[in-house]
Structures are given as C-alpha cells and as structure tokens.
Amino acid sequence: MIWSLFFVLLVFSTLSVQGELKCPAVDGADPVYIPHEDCTKFYECFNGVPILLECPDGMYFNPSKNVCDWPWRAGCQNSN
C-alpha cells in the first residue's frame, strides 16, 4: 500500500512539473539543466523528464555554469 501511494505521488509530481518545464524528449551529448525558483534547487532533464535536484548546503545553482556554486557567484536573486 505504501509503495502504491509513493508511486502515485511520484507520477503526480512528475506530471505537474512536466507541465511547467520543457525538457528535450531525447537526451543529447550534454545534460540539460533548468533552474528552479528556489536558488538551492535545479532540474536535470532525463529522457524528457525533469528530475528535481538540490545543491549541497550553502550552495546555489549557477545557470551560466550549470553547477552548484557559492551564492555570490551563482547570480541567483530569488531563493525561497
């Protein structure tokens, strides 16, 4: 029962995220990253599906370098 609930929540959260984000349907040679509204999070596209990832404590996602970086270098202005 717990696994069924987990699966339903996972599918629902993936579908709700997919409606807002556009990942390429097929992965290319380089990974595609999409910033999240929370500077400590970002999405990595995997076969058309955005996967939510989080930077280590104290780090922000830097969209110009596609890495977790120090907040003052990341250039993010909107962290929740």
PDB file of N, CA and C in Angstrom:
ATOM      1  N   MET A   1       0.823  -1.194   0.000  1.00  0.00           N
ATOM      2  CA  MET A   1       0.000   0.000   0.000  1.00  0.00           C
ATOM      3  C   MET A   1       0.865   1.255   0.000  1.00  0.00           C
ATOM      4  N   ILE A   2       1.908   1.270   0.826  1.00  0.00           N
ATOM      5  CA  ILE A   2       2.778   2.445   0.900  1.00  0.00           C
ATOM      6  C   ILE A   2       3.469   2.672  -0.436  1.00  0.00           C
ATOM      7  N   TRP A   3       3.927   1.588  -1.086  1.00  0.00           N
ATOM      8  CA  TRP A   3       4.603   1.734  -2.381  1.00  0.00           C
ATOM      9  C   TRP A   3       3.644   2.271  -3.435  1.00  0.00           C
ATOM     10  N   SER A   4       2.382   1.862  -3.374  1.00  0.00           N
ATOM     11  CA  SER A   4       1.390   2.369  -4.326  1.00  0.00           C
ATOM     12  C   SER A   4       1.192   3.863  -4.145  1.00  0.00           C
ATOM     13  N   LEU A   5       1.090   4.302  -2.908  1.00  0.00           N
ATOM     14  CA  LEU A   5       0.926   5.724  -2.625  1.00  0.00           C
ATOM     15  C   LEU A   5       2.152   6.505  -3.075  1.00  0.00           C
ATOM     16  N   PHE A   6       3.341   5.974  -2.799  1.00  0.00           N
ATOM     17  CA  PHE A   6       4.578   6.620  -3.230  1.00  0.00           C
ATOM     18  C   PHE A   6       4.610   6.762  -4.750  1.00  0.00           C
ATOM     19  N   PHE A   7       4.245   5.702  -5.467  1.00  0.00           N
ATOM     20  CA  PHE A   7       4.249   5.729  -6.926  1.00  0.00           C
ATOM     21  C   PHE A   7       3.266   6.763  -7.460  1.00  0.00           C
ATOM     22  N   VAL A   8       2.071   6.818  -6.908  1.00  0.00           N
ATOM     23  CA  VAL A   8       1.069   7.795  -7.340  1.00  0.00           C
ATOM     24  C   VAL A   8       1.575   9.212  -7.107  1.00  0.00           C
ATOM     25  N   LEU A   9       2.165   9.473  -5.950  1.00  0.00           N
ATOM     26  CA  LEU A   9       2.707  10.803  -5.674  1.00  0.00           C
ATOM     27  C   LEU A   9       3.853  11.145  -6.615  1.00  0.00           C
ATOM     28  N   LEU A  10       4.698  10.181  -6.911  1.00  0.00           N
ATOM     29  CA  LEU A  10       5.812  10.410  -7.824  1.00  0.00           C
ATOM     30  C   LEU A  10       5.304  10.750  -9.222  1.00  0.00           C
ATOM     31  N   VAL A  11       4.349   9.999  -9.711  1.00  0.00           N
ATOM     32  CA  VAL A  11       3.788  10.268 -11.036  1.00  0.00           C
ATOM     33  C   VAL A  11       3.107  11.627 -11.057  1.00  0.00           C
ATOM     34  N   PHE A  12       2.336  11.943 -10.039  1.00  0.00           N
ATOM     35  CA  PHE A  12       1.645  13.229  -9.982  1.00  0.00           C
ATOM     36  C   PHE A  12       2.633  14.384  -9.956  1.00  0.00           C
ATOM     37  N   SER A  13       3.674  14.284  -9.134  1.00  0.00           N
ATOM     38  CA  SER A  13       4.647  15.375  -9.050  1.00  0.00           C
ATOM     39  C   SER A  13       5.415  15.513 -10.356  1.00  0.00           C
ATOM     40  N   THR A  14       5.722  14.412 -11.015  1.00  0.00           N
ATOM     41  CA  THR A  14       6.412  14.473 -12.306  1.00  0.00           C
ATOM     42  C   THR A  14       5.521  15.106 -13.356  1.00  0.00           C
ATOM     43  N   LEU A  15       4.249  14.736 -13.389  1.00  0.00           N
ATOM     44  CA  LEU A  15       3.333  15.319 -14.366  1.00  0.00           C
ATOM     45  C   LEU A  15       3.126  16.802 -14.127  1.00  0.00           C
ATOM     46  N   SER A  16       3.016  17.221 -12.876  1.00  0.00           N
ATOM     47  CA  SER A  16       2.812  18.641 -12.601  1.00  0.00           C
ATOM     48  C   SER A  16       4.051  19.443 -12.960  1.00  0.00           C
ATOM     49  N   VAL A  17       5.229  18.894 -12.753  1.00  0.00           N
ATOM     50  CA  VAL A  17       6.466  19.580 -13.127  1.00  0.00           C
ATOM     51  C   VAL A  17       6.598  19.627 -14.637  1.00  0.00           C
ATOM     52  N   GLN A  18       6.274  18.537 -15.330  1.00  0.00           N
ATOM     53  CA  GLN A  18       6.414  18.496 -16.776  1.00  0.00           C
ATOM     54  C   GLN A  18       5.540  19.532 -17.455  1.00  0.00           C
ATOM     55  N   GLY A  19       4.392  19.864 -16.881  1.00  0.00           N
ATOM     56  CA  GLY A  19       3.525  20.862 -17.470  1.00  0.00           C
ATOM     57  C   GLY A  19       4.145  22.243 -17.459  1.00  0.00           C
ATOM     58  N   GLU A  20       5.083  22.498 -16.568  1.00  0.00           N
ATOM     59  CA  GLU A  20       5.696  23.806 -16.432  1.00  0.00           C
ATOM     60  C   GLU A  20       7.050  23.891 -17.122  1.00  0.00           C
ATOM     61  N   LEU A  21       7.756  22.794 -17.267  1.00  0.00           N
ATOM     62  CA  LEU A  21       9.115  22.786 -17.798  1.00  0.00           C
ATOM     63  C   LEU A  21       9.159  22.070 -19.132  1.00  0.00           C
ATOM     64  N   LYS A  22      10.118  22.469 -19.941  1.00  0.00           N
ATOM     65  CA  LYS A  22      10.287  21.827 -21.241  1.00  0.00           C
ATOM     66  C   LYS A  22      11.664  21.186 -21.323  1.00  0.00           C
ATOM     67  N   CYS A  23      11.697  19.893 -21.188  1.00  0.00           N
ATOM     68  CA  CYS A  23      12.928  19.131 -21.368  1.00  0.00           C
ATOM     69  C   CYS A  23      12.909  18.518 -22.765  1.00  0.00           C
ATOM     70  N   PRO A  24      14.079  18.388 -23.392  1.00  0.00           N
ATOM     71  CA  PRO A  24      14.108  17.703 -24.686  1.00  0.00           C
ATOM     72  C   PRO A  24      13.672  16.247 -24.524  1.00  0.00           C
ATOM     73  N   ALA A  25      12.959  15.734 -25.508  1.00  0.00           N
ATOM     74  CA  ALA A  25      12.442  14.368 -25.432  1.00  0.00           C
ATOM     75  C   ALA A  25      13.557  13.330 -25.424  1.00  0.00           C
ATOM     76  N   VAL A  26      14.670  13.652 -26.077  1.00  0.00           N
ATOM     77  CA  VAL A  26      15.803  12.729 -26.155  1.00  0.00           C
ATOM     78  C   VAL A  26      17.029  13.435 -25.596  1.00  0.00           C
ATOM     79  N   ASP A  27      17.782  12.735 -24.765  1.00  0.00           N
ATOM     80  CA  ASP A  27      18.997  13.312 -24.194  1.00  0.00           C
ATOM     81  C   ASP A  27      20.063  13.495 -25.266  1.00  0.00           C
ATOM     82  N   GLY A  28      20.744  14.635 -25.207  1.00  0.00           N
ATOM     83  CA  GLY A  28      21.856  14.893 -26.113  1.00  0.00           C
ATOM     84  C   GLY A  28      23.173  14.513 -25.461  1.00  0.00           C
ATOM     85  N   ALA A  29      24.258  14.959 -26.070  1.00  0.00           N
ATOM     86  CA  ALA A  29      25.589  14.657 -25.537  1.00  0.00           C
ATOM     87  C   ALA A  29      25.825  15.353 -24.204  1.00  0.00           C
ATOM     88  N   ASP A  30      25.286  16.566 -24.050  1.00  0.00           N
ATOM     89  CA  ASP A  30      25.435  17.328 -22.810  1.00  0.00           C
ATOM     90  C   ASP A  30      24.119  17.342 -22.050  1.00  0.00           C
ATOM     91  N   PRO A  31      24.161  17.190 -20.727  1.00  0.00           N
ATOM     92  CA  PRO A  31      22.927  17.236 -19.941  1.00  0.00           C
ATOM     93  C   PRO A  31      22.281  18.617 -20.011  1.00  0.00           C
ATOM     94  N   VAL A  32      20.962  18.650 -19.847  1.00  0.00           N
ATOM     95  CA  VAL A  32      20.207  19.901 -19.826  1.00  0.00           C
ATOM     96  C   VAL A  32      19.774  20.156 -18.392  1.00  0.00           C
ATOM     97  N   TYR A  33      20.086  21.357 -17.888  1.00  0.00           N
ATOM     98  CA  TYR A  33      19.715  21.766 -16.537  1.00  0.00           C
ATOM     99  C   TYR A  33      18.788  22.966 -16.624  1.00  0.00           C
ATOM    100  N   ILE A  34      17.790  23.001 -15.742  1.00  0.00           N
ATOM    101  CA  ILE A  34      16.829  24.101 -15.699  1.00  0.00           C
ATOM    102  C   ILE A  34      16.787  24.625 -14.270  1.00  0.00           C
ATOM    103  N   PRO A  35      16.969  25.939 -14.083  1.00  0.00           N
ATOM    104  CA  PRO A  35      16.916  26.498 -12.726  1.00  0.00           C
ATOM    105  C   PRO A  35      15.521  26.348 -12.111  1.00  0.00           C
ATOM    106  N   HIS A  36      15.470  26.206 -10.816  1.00  0.00           N
ATOM    107  CA  HIS A  36      14.235  26.161 -10.030  1.00  0.00           C
ATOM    108  C   HIS A  36      14.018  27.559  -9.463  1.00  0.00           C
ATOM    109  N   GLU A  37      12.819  27.881  -9.031  1.00  0.00           N
ATOM    110  CA  GLU A  37      12.574  29.195  -8.415  1.00  0.00           C
ATOM    111  C   GLU A  37      13.320  29.352  -7.091  1.00  0.00           C
ATOM    112  N   ASP A  38      13.632  28.246  -6.431  1.00  0.00           N
ATOM    113  CA  ASP A  38      14.461  28.240  -5.222  1.00  0.00           C
ATOM    114  C   ASP A  38      15.906  28.066  -5.682  1.00  0.00           C
ATOM    115  N   CYS A  39      16.754  29.020  -5.382  1.00  0.00           N
ATOM    116  CA  CYS A  39      18.138  29.026  -5.878  1.00  0.00           C
ATOM    117  C   CYS A  39      18.947  27.797  -5.475  1.00  0.00           C
ATOM    118  N   THR A  40      18.521  27.089  -4.444  1.00  0.00           N
ATOM    119  CA  THR A  40      19.268  25.913  -3.994  1.00  0.00           C
ATOM    120  C   THR A  40      18.892  24.654  -4.773  1.00  0.00           C
ATOM    121  N   LYS A  41      17.920  24.765  -5.686  1.00  0.00           N
ATOM    122  CA  LYS A  41      17.425  23.605  -6.426  1.00  0.00           C
ATOM    123  C   LYS A  41      17.527  23.840  -7.927  1.00  0.00           C
ATOM    124  N   PHE A  42      17.491  22.741  -8.671  1.00  0.00           N
ATOM    125  CA  PHE A  42      17.503  22.802 -10.128  1.00  0.00           C
ATOM    126  C   PHE A  42      16.985  21.474 -10.666  1.00  0.00           C
ATOM    127  N   TYR A  43      16.673  21.455 -11.950  1.00  0.00           N
ATOM    128  CA  TYR A  43      16.206  20.237 -12.599  1.00  0.00           C
ATOM    129  C   TYR A  43      17.260  19.748 -13.583  1.00  0.00           C
ATOM    130  N   GLU A  44      17.423  18.439 -13.652  1.00  0.00           N
ATOM    131  CA  GLU A  44      18.219  17.827 -14.708  1.00  0.00           C
ATOM    132  C   GLU A  44      17.263  17.026 -15.577  1.00  0.00           C
ATOM    133  N   CYS A  45      17.301  17.268 -16.874  1.00  0.00           N
ATOM    134  CA  CYS A  45      16.416  16.559 -17.790  1.00  0.00           C
ATOM    135  C   CYS A  45      16.962  15.165 -18.070  1.00  0.00           C
ATOM    136  N   PHE A  46      16.073  14.187 -18.020  1.00  0.00           N
ATOM    137  CA  PHE A  46      16.442  12.802 -18.293  1.00  0.00           C
ATOM    138  C   PHE A  46      15.357  12.188 -19.161  1.00  0.00           C
ATOM    139  N   ASN A  47      15.652  11.991 -20.437  1.00  0.00           N
ATOM    140  CA  ASN A  47      14.688  11.430 -21.397  1.00  0.00           C
ATOM    141  C   ASN A  47      13.352  12.163 -21.367  1.00  0.00           C
ATOM    142  N   GLY A  48      13.407  13.489 -21.360  1.00  0.00           N
ATOM    143  CA  GLY A  48      12.203  14.308 -21.404  1.00  0.00           C
ATOM    144  C   GLY A  48      11.562  14.584 -20.065  1.00  0.00           C
ATOM    145  N   VAL A  49      12.111  14.042 -18.995  1.00  0.00           N
ATOM    146  CA  VAL A  49      11.527  14.208 -17.663  1.00  0.00           C
ATOM    147  C   VAL A  49      12.448  15.070 -16.799  1.00  0.00           C
ATOM    148  N   PRO A  50      11.920  16.171 -16.216  1.00  0.00           N
ATOM    149  CA  PRO A  50      12.744  16.982 -15.312  1.00  0.00           C
ATOM    150  C   PRO A  50      12.852  16.324 -13.935  1.00  0.00           C
ATOM    151  N   ILE A  51      14.075  16.103 -13.483  1.00  0.00           N
ATOM    152  CA  ILE A  51      14.340  15.490 -12.185  1.00  0.00           C
ATOM    153  C   ILE A  51      14.817  16.590 -11.241  1.00  0.00           C
ATOM    154  N   LEU A  52      14.122  16.784 -10.125  1.00  0.00           N
ATOM    155  CA  LEU A  52      14.472  17.823  -9.165  1.00  0.00           C
ATOM    156  C   LEU A  52      15.691  17.398  -8.352  1.00  0.00           C
ATOM    157  N   LEU A  53      16.704  18.255  -8.335  1.00  0.00           N
ATOM    158  CA  LEU A  53      17.921  18.021  -7.561  1.00  0.00           C
ATOM    159  C   LEU A  53      18.169  19.218  -6.661  1.00  0.00           C
ATOM    160  N   GLU A  54      18.972  19.024  -5.624  1.00  0.00           N
ATOM    161  CA  GLU A  54      19.259  20.098  -4.676  1.00  0.00           C
ATOM    162  C   GLU A  54      20.764  20.224  -4.476  1.00  0.00           C
ATOM    163  N   CYS A  55      21.221  21.463  -4.429  1.00  0.00           N
ATOM    164  CA  CYS A  55      22.639  21.728  -4.179  1.00  0.00           C
ATOM    165  C   CYS A  55      22.974  21.422  -2.720  1.00  0.00           C
ATOM    166  N   PRO A  56      24.248  21.163  -2.430  1.00  0.00           N
ATOM    167  CA  PRO A  56      24.669  20.983  -1.035  1.00  0.00           C
ATOM    168  C   PRO A  56      24.393  22.247  -0.218  1.00  0.00           C
ATOM    169  N   ASP A  57      24.334  22.095   1.091  1.00  0.00           N
ATOM    170  CA  ASP A  57      24.065  23.230   1.981  1.00  0.00           C
ATOM    171  C   ASP A  57      24.998  24.393   1.685  1.00  0.00           C
ATOM    172  N   GLY A  58      24.420  25.585   1.619  1.00  0.00           N
ATOM    173  CA  GLY A  58      25.195  26.797   1.410  1.00  0.00           C
ATOM    174  C   GLY A  58      25.511  27.106  -0.038  1.00  0.00           C
ATOM    175  N   MET A  59      25.073  26.261  -0.966  1.00  0.00           N
ATOM    176  CA  MET A  59      25.369  26.461  -2.385  1.00  0.00           C
ATOM    177  C   MET A  59      24.089  26.784  -3.149  1.00  0.00           C
ATOM    178  N   TYR A  60      24.240  27.542  -4.242  1.00  0.00           N
ATOM    179  CA  TYR A  60      23.143  27.882  -5.146  1.00  0.00           C
ATOM    180  C   TYR A  60      23.467  27.321  -6.529  1.00  0.00           C
ATOM    181  N   PHE A  61      22.418  27.058  -7.307  1.00  0.00           N
ATOM    182  CA  PHE A  61      22.629  26.616  -8.679  1.00  0.00           C
ATOM    183  C   PHE A  61      23.049  27.802  -9.531  1.00  0.00           C
ATOM    184  N   ASN A  62      24.125  27.639 -10.290  1.00  0.00           N
ATOM    185  CA  ASN A  62      24.636  28.671 -11.185  1.00  0.00           C
ATOM    186  C   ASN A  62      24.247  28.276 -12.612  1.00  0.00           C
ATOM    187  N   PRO A  63      23.211  28.921 -13.191  1.00  0.00           N
ATOM    188  CA  PRO A  63      22.734  28.515 -14.511  1.00  0.00           C
ATOM    189  C   PRO A  63      23.706  28.828 -15.648  1.00  0.00           C
ATOM    190  N   SER A  64      24.623  29.754 -15.447  1.00  0.00           N
ATOM    191  CA  SER A  64      25.578  30.048 -16.522  1.00  0.00           C
ATOM    192  C   SER A  64      26.678  28.993 -16.610  1.00  0.00           C
ATOM    193  N   LYS A  65      26.932  28.294 -15.496  1.00  0.00           N
ATOM    194  CA  LYS A  65      27.957  27.244 -15.481  1.00  0.00           C
ATOM    195  C   LYS A  65      27.365  25.844 -15.309  1.00  0.00           C
ATOM    196  N   ASN A  66      26.061  25.777 -15.003  1.00  0.00           N
ATOM    197  CA  ASN A  66      25.372  24.502 -14.758  1.00  0.00           C
ATOM    198  C   ASN A  66      26.014  23.688 -13.646  1.00  0.00           C
ATOM    199  N   VAL A  67      26.355  24.382 -12.555  1.00  0.00           N
ATOM    200  CA  VAL A  67      26.931  23.729 -11.374  1.00  0.00           C
ATOM    201  C   VAL A  67      26.378  24.395 -10.119  1.00  0.00           C
ATOM    202  N   CYS A  68      26.504  23.708  -8.989  1.00  0.00           N
ATOM    203  CA  CYS A  68      26.227  24.338  -7.703  1.00  0.00           C
ATOM    204  C   CYS A  68      27.447  25.181  -7.357  1.00  0.00           C
ATOM    205  N   ASP A  69      27.198  26.400  -6.901  1.00  0.00           N
ATOM    206  CA  ASP A  69      28.269  27.375  -6.733  1.00  0.00           C
ATOM    207  C   ASP A  69      28.009  28.187  -5.467  1.00  0.00           C
ATOM    208  N   TRP A  70      29.000  28.996  -5.072  1.00  0.00           N
ATOM    209  CA  TRP A  70      28.801  29.902  -3.949  1.00  0.00           C
ATOM    210  C   TRP A  70      27.713  30.910  -4.308  1.00  0.00           C
ATOM    211  N   PRO A  71      26.855  31.292  -3.368  1.00  0.00           N
ATOM    212  CA  PRO A  71      25.750  32.204  -3.670  1.00  0.00           C
ATOM    213  C   PRO A  71      26.191  33.490  -4.368  1.00  0.00           C
ATOM    214  N   TRP A  72      27.302  34.059  -3.962  1.00  0.00           N
ATOM    215  CA  TRP A  72      27.737  35.319  -4.563  1.00  0.00           C
ATOM    216  C   TRP A  72      28.214  35.152  -6.001  1.00  0.00           C
ATOM    217  N   ARG A  73      28.532  33.915  -6.407  1.00  0.00           N
ATOM    218  CA  ARG A  73      28.943  33.662  -7.790  1.00  0.00           C
ATOM    219  C   ARG A  73      27.811  33.120  -8.648  1.00  0.00           C
ATOM    220  N   ALA A  74      26.767  32.597  -8.020  1.00  0.00           N
ATOM    221  CA  ALA A  74      25.690  31.952  -8.769  1.00  0.00           C
ATOM    222  C   ALA A  74      24.805  32.944  -9.507  1.00  0.00           C
ATOM    223  N   GLY A  75      24.676  34.153  -8.985  1.00  0.00           N
ATOM    224  CA  GLY A  75      23.862  35.165  -9.651  1.00  0.00           C
ATOM    225  C   GLY A  75      22.368  34.993  -9.461  1.00  0.00           C
ATOM    226  N   CYS A  76      21.954  34.177  -8.531  1.00  0.00           N
ATOM    227  CA  CYS A  76      20.530  33.962  -8.275  1.00  0.00           C
ATOM    228  C   CYS A  76      20.026  35.006  -7.290  1.00  0.00           C
ATOM    229  N   GLN A  77      18.886  35.593  -7.585  1.00  0.00           N
ATOM    230  CA  GLN A  77      18.328  36.651  -6.748  1.00  0.00           C
ATOM    231  C   GLN A  77      17.076  36.223  -5.986  1.00  0.00           C
ATOM    232  N   ASN A  78      16.548  35.041  -6.252  1.00  0.00           N
ATOM    233  CA  ASN A  78      15.241  34.662  -5.720  1.00  0.00           C
ATOM    234  C   ASN A  78      15.296  33.302  -5.041  1.00  0.00           C
ATOM    235  N   SER A  79      15.759  33.243  -3.809  1.00  0.00           N
ATOM    236  CA  SER A  79      15.800  31.972  -3.090  1.00  0.00           C
ATOM    237  C   SER A  79      14.681  31.920  -2.071  1.00  0.00           C
ATOM    238  N   ASN A  80      13.964  30.782  -2.043  1.00  0.00           N
ATOM    239  CA  ASN A  80      12.860  30.616  -1.087  1.00  0.00           C
ATOM    240  C   ASN A  80      13.378  30.069   0.208  1.00  0.00           C
TER     241      ASN A  80
END
